[in-house]
PDB file of N, CA and C in Angstrom:
ATOM      1  N   UNK A   1       0.848  -1.163   0.000  1.00  0.00           N
ATOM      2  CA  UNK A   1       0.000   0.000   0.000  1.00  0.00           C
ATOM      3  C   UNK A   1       0.898   1.232   0.000  1.00  0.00           C
ATOM      4  N   UNK A   2       0.710   2.112  -0.941  1.00  0.00           N
ATOM      5  CA  UNK A   2       1.486   3.338  -1.035  1.00  0.00           C
ATOM      6  C   UNK A   2       0.726   4.474  -0.394  1.00  0.00           C
ATOM      7  N   UNK A   3       1.420   5.313   0.365  1.00  0.00           N
ATOM      8  CA  UNK A   3       0.798   6.472   0.996  1.00  0.00           C
ATOM      9  C   UNK A   3       1.547   7.716   0.557  1.00  0.00           C
ATOM     10  N   UNK A   4       0.843   8.836   0.493  1.00  0.00           N
ATOM     11  CA  UNK A   4       1.458  10.097   0.073  1.00  0.00           C
ATOM     12  C   UNK A   4       2.665  10.409   0.948  1.00  0.00           C
ATOM     13  N   UNK A   5       3.705  10.910   0.325  1.00  0.00           N
ATOM     14  CA  UNK A   5       4.907  11.279   1.067  1.00  0.00           C
ATOM     15  C   UNK A   5       5.905  10.149   1.212  1.00  0.00           C
ATOM     16  N   UNK A   6       5.564   8.948   0.725  1.00  0.00           N
ATOM     17  CA  UNK A   6       6.483   7.830   0.840  1.00  0.00           C
ATOM     18  C   UNK A   6       7.210   7.619  -0.472  1.00  0.00           C
ATOM     19  N   UNK A   7       8.365   6.990  -0.367  1.00  0.00           N
ATOM     20  CA  UNK A   7       9.094   6.631  -1.567  1.00  0.00           C
ATOM     21  C   UNK A   7       9.545   5.190  -1.441  1.00  0.00           C
ATOM     22  N   UNK A   8       9.621   4.521  -2.545  1.00  0.00           N
ATOM     23  CA  UNK A   8      10.025   3.123  -2.536  1.00  0.00           C
ATOM     24  C   UNK A   8      11.523   3.043  -2.779  1.00  0.00           C
ATOM     25  N   UNK A   9      12.212   2.199  -1.985  1.00  0.00           N
ATOM     26  CA  UNK A   9      13.652   2.045  -2.165  1.00  0.00           C
ATOM     27  C   UNK A   9      14.033   0.600  -1.910  1.00  0.00           C
ATOM     28  N   UNK A  10      15.298   0.309  -2.004  1.00  0.00           N
ATOM     29  CA  UNK A  10      15.825  -1.041  -1.755  1.00  0.00           C
ATOM     30  C   UNK A  10      15.101  -2.086  -2.594  1.00  0.00           C
ATOM     31  N   UNK A  11      14.949  -1.809  -3.881  1.00  0.00           N
ATOM     32  CA  UNK A  11      14.318  -2.733  -4.821  1.00  0.00           C
ATOM     33  C   UNK A  11      12.925  -3.158  -4.379  1.00  0.00           C
ATOM     34  N   UNK A  12      12.202  -2.261  -3.735  1.00  0.00           N
ATOM     35  CA  UNK A  12      10.820  -2.529  -3.374  1.00  0.00           C
ATOM     36  C   UNK A  12      10.630  -3.331  -2.109  1.00  0.00           C
ATOM     37  N   UNK A  13      11.677  -3.584  -1.345  1.00  0.00           N
ATOM     38  CA  UNK A  13      11.528  -4.409  -0.157  1.00  0.00           C
ATOM     39  C   UNK A  13      11.238  -3.605   1.098  1.00  0.00           C
ATOM     40  N   UNK A  14      11.423  -2.301   1.060  1.00  0.00           N
ATOM     41  CA  UNK A  14      11.224  -1.496   2.260  1.00  0.00           C
ATOM     42  C   UNK A  14      10.615  -0.152   1.889  1.00  0.00           C
ATOM     43  N   UNK A  15       9.647   0.280   2.656  1.00  0.00           N
ATOM     44  CA  UNK A  15       9.027   1.592   2.449  1.00  0.00           C
ATOM     45  C   UNK A  15       9.620   2.561   3.447  1.00  0.00           C
ATOM     46  N   UNK A  16      10.007   3.732   2.977  1.00  0.00           N
ATOM     47  CA  UNK A  16      10.566   4.752   3.852  1.00  0.00           C
ATOM     48  C   UNK A  16       9.824   6.058   3.629  1.00  0.00           C
ATOM     49  N   UNK A  17       9.718   6.849   4.656  1.00  0.00           N
ATOM     50  CA  UNK A  17       9.132   8.174   4.496  1.00  0.00           C
ATOM     51  C   UNK A  17      10.194   9.193   4.874  1.00  0.00           C
ATOM     52  N   UNK A  18      10.067  10.421   4.397  1.00  0.00           N
ATOM     53  CA  UNK A  18      11.040  11.440   4.787  1.00  0.00           C
ATOM     54  C   UNK A  18      11.000  11.644   6.302  1.00  0.00           C
ATOM     55  N   UNK A  19      12.131  12.047   6.864  1.00  0.00           N
ATOM     56  CA  UNK A  19      12.184  12.309   8.307  1.00  0.00           C
ATOM     57  C   UNK A  19      11.223  13.449   8.636  1.00  0.00           C
ATOM     58  N   UNK A  20      10.451  13.258   9.686  1.00  0.00           N
ATOM     59  CA  UNK A  20       9.502  14.270  10.130  1.00  0.00           C
ATOM     60  C   UNK A  20      10.090  14.998  11.328  1.00  0.00           C
ATOM     61  N   UNK A  21       9.822  16.272  11.461  1.00  0.00           N
ATOM     62  CA  UNK A  21      10.339  17.000  12.610  1.00  0.00           C
ATOM     63  C   UNK A  21       9.222  17.750  13.307  1.00  0.00           C
ATOM     64  N   UNK A  22       9.342  17.865  14.629  1.00  0.00           N
ATOM     65  CA  UNK A  22       8.454  18.673  15.456  1.00  0.00           C
ATOM     66  C   UNK A  22       9.339  19.489  16.386  1.00  0.00           C
ATOM     67  N   UNK A  23       8.756  20.408  17.122  1.00  0.00           N
ATOM     68  CA  UNK A  23       9.545  21.258  18.010  1.00  0.00           C
ATOM     69  C   UNK A  23      10.254  20.428  19.072  1.00  0.00           C
ATOM     70  N   UNK A  24       9.528  19.558  19.787  1.00  0.00           N
ATOM     71  CA  UNK A  24      10.127  18.829  20.895  1.00  0.00           C
ATOM     72  C   UNK A  24      10.533  17.408  20.528  1.00  0.00           C
ATOM     73  N   UNK A  25      10.156  16.937  19.361  1.00  0.00           N
ATOM     74  CA  UNK A  25      10.421  15.541  19.042  1.00  0.00           C
ATOM     75  C   UNK A  25      10.804  15.382  17.579  1.00  0.00           C
ATOM     76  N   UNK A  26      11.579  14.323  17.328  1.00  0.00           N
ATOM     77  CA  UNK A  26      11.925  13.958  15.960  1.00  0.00           C
ATOM     78  C   UNK A  26      11.371  12.563  15.714  1.00  0.00           C
ATOM     79  N   UNK A  27      10.866  12.330  14.490  1.00  0.00           N
ATOM     80  CA  UNK A  27      10.304  11.029  14.136  1.00  0.00           C
ATOM     81  C   UNK A  27      10.898  10.590  12.809  1.00  0.00           C
ATOM     82  N   UNK A  28      11.305   9.329  12.729  1.00  0.00           N
ATOM     83  CA  UNK A  28      11.823   8.783  11.478  1.00  0.00           C
ATOM     84  C   UNK A  28      11.296   7.366  11.312  1.00  0.00           C
ATOM     85  N   UNK A  29      10.699   7.077  10.141  1.00  0.00           N
ATOM     86  CA  UNK A  29      10.210   5.730   9.902  1.00  0.00           C
ATOM     87  C   UNK A  29      11.378   4.817   9.617  1.00  0.00           C
ATOM     88  N   UNK A  30      11.297   3.592  10.123  1.00  0.00           N
ATOM     89  CA  UNK A  30      12.432   2.683  10.041  1.00  0.00           C
ATOM     90  C   UNK A  30      12.018   1.346   9.425  1.00  0.00           C
ATOM     91  N   UNK A  31      11.938   0.289  10.223  1.00  0.00           N
ATOM     92  CA  UNK A  31      11.722  -1.066   9.742  1.00  0.00           C
ATOM     93  C   UNK A  31      10.345  -1.329   9.163  1.00  0.00           C
ATOM     94  N   UNK A  32      10.252  -2.428   8.421  1.00  0.00           N
ATOM     95  CA  UNK A  32       9.021  -2.837   7.772  1.00  0.00           C
ATOM     96  C   UNK A  32       9.019  -4.355   7.715  1.00  0.00           C
ATOM     97  N   UNK A  33       7.945  -4.989   8.200  1.00  0.00           N
ATOM     98  CA  UNK A  33       7.868  -6.447   8.189  1.00  0.00           C
ATOM     99  C   UNK A  33       6.423  -6.892   8.014  1.00  0.00           C
ATOM    100  N   UNK A  34       6.239  -8.040   7.408  1.00  0.00           N
ATOM    101  CA  UNK A  34       4.925  -8.651   7.224  1.00  0.00           C
ATOM    102  C   UNK A  34       4.836  -9.833   8.167  1.00  0.00           C
ATOM    103  N   UNK A  35       3.718  -9.973   8.875  1.00  0.00           N
ATOM    104  CA  UNK A  35       3.498 -11.129   9.740  1.00  0.00           C
ATOM    105  C   UNK A  35       2.025 -11.483   9.640  1.00  0.00           C
ATOM    106  N   UNK A  36       1.737 -12.658   9.098  1.00  0.00           N
ATOM    107  CA  UNK A  36       0.344 -13.043   8.901  1.00  0.00           C
ATOM    108  C   UNK A  36      -0.340 -12.066   7.958  1.00  0.00           C
ATOM    109  N   UNK A  37      -1.504 -11.582   8.370  1.00  0.00           N
ATOM    110  CA  UNK A  37      -2.251 -10.642   7.520  1.00  0.00           C
ATOM    111  C   UNK A  37      -1.894  -9.193   7.806  1.00  0.00           C
ATOM    112  N   UNK A  38      -0.972  -8.963   8.734  1.00  0.00           N
ATOM    113  CA  UNK A  38      -0.630  -7.599   9.131  1.00  0.00           C
ATOM    114  C   UNK A  38       0.746  -7.182   8.620  1.00  0.00           C
ATOM    115  N   UNK A  39       0.872  -5.901   8.320  1.00  0.00           N
ATOM    116  CA  UNK A  39       2.153  -5.291   7.992  1.00  0.00           C
ATOM    117  C   UNK A  39       2.536  -4.429   9.186  1.00  0.00           C
ATOM    118  N   UNK A  40       3.759  -4.585   9.660  1.00  0.00           N
ATOM    119  CA  UNK A  40       4.253  -3.831  10.801  1.00  0.00           C
ATOM    120  C   UNK A  40       5.375  -2.908  10.345  1.00  0.00           C
ATOM    121  N   UNK A  41       5.285  -1.652  10.751  1.00  0.00           N
ATOM    122  CA  UNK A  41       6.343  -0.690  10.478  1.00  0.00           C
ATOM    123  C   UNK A  41       6.793  -0.089  11.800  1.00  0.00           C
ATOM    124  N   UNK A  42       8.024   0.382  11.837  1.00  0.00           N
ATOM    125  CA  UNK A  42       8.537   1.015  13.054  1.00  0.00           C
ATOM    126  C   UNK A  42       8.924   2.451  12.755  1.00  0.00           C
ATOM    127  N   UNK A  43       8.796   3.267  13.779  1.00  0.00           N
ATOM    128  CA  UNK A  43       9.190   4.673  13.690  1.00  0.00           C
ATOM    129  C   UNK A  43      10.005   5.016  14.928  1.00  0.00           C
ATOM    130  N   UNK A  44      11.175   5.581  14.685  1.00  0.00           N
ATOM    131  CA  UNK A  44      12.056   5.998  15.768  1.00  0.00           C
ATOM    132  C   UNK A  44      11.716   7.430  16.149  1.00  0.00           C
ATOM    133  N   UNK A  45      11.468   7.669  17.434  1.00  0.00           N
ATOM    134  CA  UNK A  45      11.124   9.011  17.906  1.00  0.00           C
ATOM    135  C   UNK A  45      12.073   9.431  19.019  1.00  0.00           C
ATOM    136  N   UNK A  46      12.310  10.721  19.102  1.00  0.00           N
ATOM    137  CA  UNK A  46      13.112  11.308  20.181  1.00  0.00           C
ATOM    138  C   UNK A  46      12.307  12.469  20.738  1.00  0.00           C
ATOM    139  N   UNK A  47      12.062  12.465  22.026  1.00  0.00           N
ATOM    140  CA  UNK A  47      11.315  13.541  22.660  1.00  0.00           C
ATOM    141  C   UNK A  47      12.187  14.157  23.747  1.00  0.00           C
ATOM    142  N   UNK A  48      12.793  15.288  23.441  1.00  0.00           N
ATOM    143  CA  UNK A  48      13.694  15.943  24.399  1.00  0.00           C
ATOM    144  C   UNK A  48      12.949  16.515  25.598  1.00  0.00           C
ATOM    145  N   UNK A  49      11.705  16.919  25.408  1.00  0.00           N
ATOM    146  CA  UNK A  49      10.910  17.457  26.519  1.00  0.00           C
ATOM    147  C   UNK A  49      10.614  16.381  27.556  1.00  0.00           C
ATOM    148  N   UNK A  50      10.214  15.195  27.096  1.00  0.00           N
ATOM    149  CA  UNK A  50       9.897  14.087  28.001  1.00  0.00           C
ATOM    150  C   UNK A  50      11.146  13.325  28.448  1.00  0.00           C
ATOM    151  N   UNK A  51      12.239  13.468  27.718  1.00  0.00           N
ATOM    152  CA  UNK A  51      13.479  12.779  28.079  1.00  0.00           C
ATOM    153  C   UNK A  51      13.486  11.313  27.697  1.00  0.00           C
ATOM    154  N   UNK A  52      13.010  11.016  26.467  1.00  0.00           N
ATOM    155  CA  UNK A  52      13.027   9.622  26.036  1.00  0.00           C
ATOM    156  C   UNK A  52      13.244   9.500  24.543  1.00  0.00           C
ATOM    157  N   UNK A  53      13.635   8.308  24.158  1.00  0.00           N
ATOM    158  CA  UNK A  53      13.687   7.895  22.760  1.00  0.00           C
ATOM    159  C   UNK A  53      12.887   6.612  22.684  1.00  0.00           C
ATOM    160  N   UNK A  54      12.174   6.413  21.582  1.00  0.00           N
ATOM    161  CA  UNK A  54      11.331   5.229  21.477  1.00  0.00           C
ATOM    162  C   UNK A  54      11.308   4.716  20.050  1.00  0.00           C
ATOM    163  N   UNK A  55      11.111   3.418  19.940  1.00  0.00           N
ATOM    164  CA  UNK A  55      10.852   2.794  18.658  1.00  0.00           C
ATOM    165  C   UNK A  55       9.413   2.314  18.716  1.00  0.00           C
ATOM    166  N   UNK A  56       8.553   2.959  17.925  1.00  0.00           N
ATOM    167  CA  UNK A  56       7.122   2.649  17.928  1.00  0.00           C
ATOM    168  C   UNK A  56       6.808   1.619  16.854  1.00  0.00           C
ATOM    169  N   UNK A  57       5.882   0.707  17.159  1.00  0.00           N
ATOM    170  CA  UNK A  57       5.432  -0.310  16.228  1.00  0.00           C
ATOM    171  C   UNK A  57       4.027   0.035  15.774  1.00  0.00           C
ATOM    172  N   UNK A  58       3.842   0.124  14.452  1.00  0.00           N
ATOM    173  CA  UNK A  58       2.543   0.437  13.861  1.00  0.00           C
ATOM    174  C   UNK A  58       2.075  -0.747  13.035  1.00  0.00           C
ATOM    175  N   UNK A  59       0.775  -1.052  13.138  1.00  0.00           N
ATOM    176  CA  UNK A  59       0.186  -2.210  12.473  1.00  0.00           C
ATOM    177  C   UNK A  59      -0.836  -1.758  11.440  1.00  0.00           C
ATOM    178  N   UNK A  60      -0.784  -2.377  10.251  1.00  0.00           N
ATOM    179  CA  UNK A  60      -1.764  -2.110   9.209  1.00  0.00           C
ATOM    180  C   UNK A  60      -2.310  -3.442   8.725  1.00  0.00           C
ATOM    181  N   UNK A  61      -3.636  -3.572   8.752  1.00  0.00           N
ATOM    182  CA  UNK A  61      -4.285  -4.773   8.236  1.00  0.00           C
ATOM    183  C   UNK A  61      -4.722  -4.545   6.804  1.00  0.00           C
ATOM    184  N   UNK A  62      -5.298  -5.586   6.210  1.00  0.00           N
ATOM    185  CA  UNK A  62      -5.709  -5.498   4.802  1.00  0.00           C
ATOM    186  C   UNK A  62      -6.696  -4.361   4.566  1.00  0.00           C
ATOM    187  N   UNK A  63      -7.705  -4.253   5.398  1.00  0.00           N
ATOM    188  CA  UNK A  63      -8.739  -3.227   5.225  1.00  0.00           C
ATOM    189  C   UNK A  63      -8.854  -2.316   6.431  1.00  0.00           C
ATOM    190  N   UNK A  64      -7.749  -2.108   7.151  1.00  0.00           N
ATOM    191  CA  UNK A  64      -7.795  -1.286   8.358  1.00  0.00           C
ATOM    192  C   UNK A  64      -6.798  -0.146   8.277  1.00  0.00           C
ATOM    193  N   UNK A  65      -7.042   0.877   9.075  1.00  0.00           N
ATOM    194  CA  UNK A  65      -6.112   2.002   9.169  1.00  0.00           C
ATOM    195  C   UNK A  65      -4.883   1.586   9.961  1.00  0.00           C
ATOM    196  N   UNK A  66      -3.808   2.319   9.784  1.00  0.00           N
ATOM    197  CA  UNK A  66      -2.589   2.083  10.547  1.00  0.00           C
ATOM    198  C   UNK A  66      -2.781   2.597  11.962  1.00  0.00           C
ATOM    199  N   UNK A  67      -2.377   1.788  12.947  1.00  0.00           N
ATOM    200  CA  UNK A  67      -2.479   2.215  14.345  1.00  0.00           C
ATOM    201  C   UNK A  67      -1.218   1.813  15.094  1.00  0.00           C
ATOM    202  N   UNK A  68      -0.874   2.622  16.098  1.00  0.00           N
ATOM    203  CA  UNK A  68       0.275   2.306  16.948  1.00  0.00           C
ATOM    204  C   UNK A  68      -0.156   1.207  17.914  1.00  0.00           C
ATOM    205  N   UNK A  69       0.612   0.114  17.973  1.00  0.00           N
ATOM    206  CA  UNK A  69       0.240  -1.007  18.826  1.00  0.00           C
ATOM    207  C   UNK A  69       1.220  -1.250  19.970  1.00  0.00           C
ATOM    208  N   UNK A  70       2.472  -0.793  19.815  1.00  0.00           N
ATOM    209  CA  UNK A  70       3.465  -1.012  20.876  1.00  0.00           C
ATOM    210  C   UNK A  70       4.639  -0.077  20.665  1.00  0.00           C
ATOM    211  N   UNK A  71       5.490  -0.022  21.688  1.00  0.00           N
ATOM    212  CA  UNK A  71       6.735   0.721  21.556  1.00  0.00           C
ATOM    213  C   UNK A  71       7.725   0.255  22.606  1.00  0.00           C
ATOM    214  N   UNK A  72       8.998   0.421  22.282  1.00  0.00           N
ATOM    215  CA  UNK A  72      10.083   0.211  23.234  1.00  0.00           C
ATOM    216  C   UNK A  72      10.657   1.589  23.504  1.00  0.00           C
ATOM    217  N   UNK A  73      10.674   1.976  24.781  1.00  0.00           N
ATOM    218  CA  UNK A  73      11.094   3.320  25.177  1.00  0.00           C
ATOM    219  C   UNK A  73      12.359   3.237  26.014  1.00  0.00           C
ATOM    220  N   UNK A  74      13.314   4.099  25.723  1.00  0.00           N
ATOM    221  CA  UNK A  74      14.469   4.278  26.598  1.00  0.00           C
ATOM    222  C   UNK A  74      14.262   5.591  27.326  1.00  0.00           C
ATOM    223  N   UNK A  75      14.048   5.514  28.644  1.00  0.00           N
ATOM    224  CA  UNK A  75      13.862   6.715  29.471  1.00  0.00           C
ATOM    225  C   UNK A  75      15.201   7.131  30.038  1.00  0.00           C
ATOM    226  N   UNK A  76      15.587   8.388  29.770  1.00  0.00           N
ATOM    227  CA  UNK A  76      16.856   8.907  30.280  1.00  0.00           C
ATOM    228  C   UNK A  76      16.908   8.863  31.804  1.00  0.00           C
ATOM    229  N   UNK A  77      15.800   9.164  32.472  1.00  0.00           N
ATOM    230  CA  UNK A  77      15.767   9.222  33.939  1.00  0.00           C
ATOM    231  C   UNK A  77      16.027   7.857  34.573  1.00  0.00           C
ATOM    232  N   UNK A  78      15.579   6.778  33.925  1.00  0.00           N
ATOM    233  CA  UNK A  78      15.779   5.434  34.457  1.00  0.00           C
ATOM    234  C   UNK A  78      17.027   4.772  33.895  1.00  0.00           C
ATOM    235  N   UNK A  79      17.455   5.204  32.712  1.00  0.00           N
ATOM    236  CA  UNK A  79      18.611   4.588  32.077  1.00  0.00           C
ATOM    237  C   UNK A  79      18.357   3.174  31.606  1.00  0.00           C
ATOM    238  N   UNK A  80      17.085   2.873  31.221  1.00  0.00           N
ATOM    239  CA  UNK A  80      16.744   1.515  30.815  1.00  0.00           C
ATOM    240  C   UNK A  80      15.609   1.528  29.796  1.00  0.00           C
ATOM    241  N   UNK A  81      15.407   0.364  29.158  1.00  0.00           N
ATOM    242  CA  UNK A  81      14.353   0.180  28.161  1.00  0.00           C
ATOM    243  C   UNK A  81      13.080  -0.355  28.802  1.00  0.00           C
ATOM    244  N   UNK A  82      11.937   0.053  28.260  1.00  0.00           N
ATOM    245  CA  UNK A  82      10.630  -0.429  28.700  1.00  0.00           C
ATOM    246  C   UNK A  82       9.811  -0.786  27.473  1.00  0.00           C
ATOM    247  N   UNK A  83       8.996  -1.849  27.568  1.00  0.00           N
ATOM    248  CA  UNK A  83       8.122  -2.289  26.488  1.00  0.00           C
ATOM    249  C   UNK A  83       6.684  -1.948  26.854  1.00  0.00           C
ATOM    250  N   UNK A  84       5.978  -1.255  25.969  1.00  0.00           N
ATOM    251  CA  UNK A  84       4.592  -0.852  26.215  1.00  0.00           C
ATOM    252  C   UNK A  84       3.718  -1.309  25.054  1.00  0.00           C
ATOM    253  N   UNK A  85       2.494  -1.736  25.360  1.00  0.00           N
ATOM    254  CA  UNK A  85       1.518  -2.032  24.310  1.00  0.00           C
ATOM    255  C   UNK A  85       0.335  -1.093  24.475  1.00  0.00           C
ATOM    256  N   UNK A  86      -0.412  -0.909  23.394  1.00  0.00           N
ATOM    257  CA  UNK A  86      -1.539   0.018  23.393  1.00  0.00           C
ATOM    258  C   UNK A  86      -2.806  -0.715  22.978  1.00  0.00           C
ATOM    259  N   UNK A  87      -3.404  -1.441  23.931  1.00  0.00           N
ATOM    260  CA  UNK A  87      -4.664  -2.152  23.711  1.00  0.00           C
ATOM    261  C   UNK A  87      -4.605  -3.008  22.445  1.00  0.00           C
ATOM    262  N   UNK A  88      -3.528  -3.789  22.316  1.00  0.00           N
ATOM    263  CA  UNK A  88      -3.345  -4.618  21.129  1.00  0.00           C
ATOM    264  C   UNK A  88      -2.599  -5.894  21.499  1.00  0.00           C
ATOM    265  N   UNK A  89      -2.783  -6.914  20.684  1.00  0.00           N
ATOM    266  CA  UNK A  89      -2.029  -8.146  20.830  1.00  0.00           C
ATOM    267  C   UNK A  89      -0.903  -8.125  19.809  1.00  0.00           C
ATOM    268  N   UNK A  90       0.312  -8.301  20.293  1.00  0.00           N
ATOM    269  CA  UNK A  90       1.491  -8.268  19.428  1.00  0.00           C
ATOM    270  C   UNK A  90       2.126  -9.660  19.461  1.00  0.00           C
ATOM    271  N   UNK A  91       2.311 -10.294  18.290  1.00  0.00           N
ATOM    272  CA  UNK A  91       2.966 -11.603  18.285  1.00  0.00           C
ATOM    273  C   UNK A  91       4.354 -11.527  18.916  1.00  0.00           C
ATOM    274  N   UNK A  92       4.728 -12.561  19.657  1.00  0.00           N
ATOM    275  CA  UNK A  92       6.004 -12.570  20.373  1.00  0.00           C
ATOM    276  C   UNK A  92       7.177 -12.356  19.417  1.00  0.00           C
ATOM    277  N   UNK A  93       7.148 -12.999  18.254  1.00  0.00           N
ATOM    278  CA  UNK A  93       8.254 -12.860  17.317  1.00  0.00           C
ATOM    279  C   UNK A  93       8.391 -11.407  16.851  1.00  0.00           C
ATOM    280  N   UNK A  94       7.289 -10.706  16.675  1.00  0.00           N
ATOM    281  CA  UNK A  94       7.326  -9.296  16.271  1.00  0.00           C
ATOM    282  C   UNK A  94       7.832  -8.440  17.425  1.00  0.00           C
ATOM    283  N   UNK A  95       7.398  -8.736  18.658  1.00  0.00           N
ATOM    284  CA  UNK A  95       7.864  -8.002  19.834  1.00  0.00           C
ATOM    285  C   UNK A  95       9.373  -8.188  20.027  1.00  0.00           C
ATOM    286  N   UNK A  96       9.858  -9.410  19.836  1.00  0.00           N
ATOM    287  CA  UNK A  96      11.296  -9.667  19.975  1.00  0.00           C
ATOM    288  C   UNK A  96      12.096  -8.895  18.925  1.00  0.00           C
ATOM    289  N   UNK A  97      11.585  -8.862  17.687  1.00  0.00           N
ATOM    290  CA  UNK A  97      12.258  -8.104  16.630  1.00  0.00           C
ATOM    291  C   UNK A  97      12.262  -6.613  16.958  1.00  0.00           C
ATOM    292  N   UNK A  98      11.144  -6.117  17.494  1.00  0.00           N
ATOM    293  CA  UNK A  98      11.040  -4.709  17.879  1.00  0.00           C
ATOM    294  C   UNK A  98      12.072  -4.373  18.954  1.00  0.00           C
ATOM    295  N   UNK A  99      12.194  -5.236  19.967  1.00  0.00           N
ATOM    296  CA  UNK A  99      13.150  -4.981  21.044  1.00  0.00           C
ATOM    297  C   UNK A  99      14.590  -4.998  20.537  1.00  0.00           C
ATOM    298  N   UNK A 100      14.913  -5.942  19.668  1.00  0.00           N
ATOM    299  CA  UNK A 100      16.266  -5.999  19.109  1.00  0.00           C
ATOM    300  C   UNK A 100      16.552  -4.774  18.250  1.00  0.00           C
ATOM    301  N   UNK A 101      15.577  -4.373  17.445  1.00  0.00           N
ATOM    302  CA  UNK A 101      15.747  -3.184  16.595  1.00  0.00           C
ATOM    303  C   UNK A 101      15.902  -1.935  17.455  1.00  0.00           C
ATOM    304  N   UNK A 102      15.149  -1.843  18.558  1.00  0.00           N
ATOM    305  CA  UNK A 102      15.234  -0.672  19.438  1.00  0.00           C
ATOM    306  C   UNK A 102      16.614  -0.575  20.083  1.00  0.00           C
ATOM    307  N   UNK A 103      17.140  -1.696  20.563  1.00  0.00           N
ATOM    308  CA  UNK A 103      18.470  -1.686  21.186  1.00  0.00           C
ATOM    309  C   UNK A 103      19.549  -1.254  20.197  1.00  0.00           C
ATOM    310  N   UNK A 104      19.362  -1.608  18.919  1.00  0.00           N
ATOM    311  CA  UNK A 104      20.349  -1.223  17.895  1.00  0.00           C
ATOM    312  C   UNK A 104      20.166   0.219  17.449  1.00  0.00           C
ATOM    313  N   UNK A 105      18.926   0.707  17.436  1.00  0.00           N
ATOM    314  CA  UNK A 105      18.638   2.036  16.869  1.00  0.00           C
ATOM    315  C   UNK A 105      18.749   3.171  17.879  1.00  0.00           C
ATOM    316  N   UNK A 106      18.435   2.914  19.140  1.00  0.00           N
ATOM    317  CA  UNK A 106      18.437   3.981  20.147  1.00  0.00           C
ATOM    318  C   UNK A 106      19.833   4.106  20.747  1.00  0.00           C
ATOM    319  N   UNK A 107      20.384   5.278  20.589  1.00  0.00           N
ATOM    320  CA  UNK A 107      21.732   5.556  21.096  1.00  0.00           C
ATOM    321  C   UNK A 107      21.677   5.845  22.591  1.00  0.00           C
ATOM    322  N   UNK A 108      22.348   5.002  23.376  1.00  0.00           N
ATOM    323  CA  UNK A 108      22.380   5.142  24.829  1.00  0.00           C
ATOM    324  C   UNK A 108      23.703   5.782  25.198  1.00  0.00           C
ATOM    325  N   UNK A 109      23.638   6.823  26.032  1.00  0.00           N
ATOM    326  CA  UNK A 109      24.868   7.524  26.444  1.00  0.00           C
ATOM    327  C   UNK A 109      25.516   6.885  27.618  1.00  0.00           C
TER     328      UNK A 109
END
């Protein structure tokens, strides 16, 4: 499924969108994976006001809108990662991939 503002790269295997910016946070779309009937994409966010970086997991079904279903957050105040879900069931294999991707993508000082 193509959405406005996206471009196709890597011989059609991955969808990327331009980096988005906000005053207090930066967002960049990252990974893309298919699992069952759902397509999962990740977006890396940095929120300097809240003091965290997160890798958010978004789910798109065949006939459904994209929704945020989970995220892995690194809180500066705690110095550790946390896994959160948002009223959704996330397959374990997808959650494990999300956690591994978050550890690789989020720069810890």
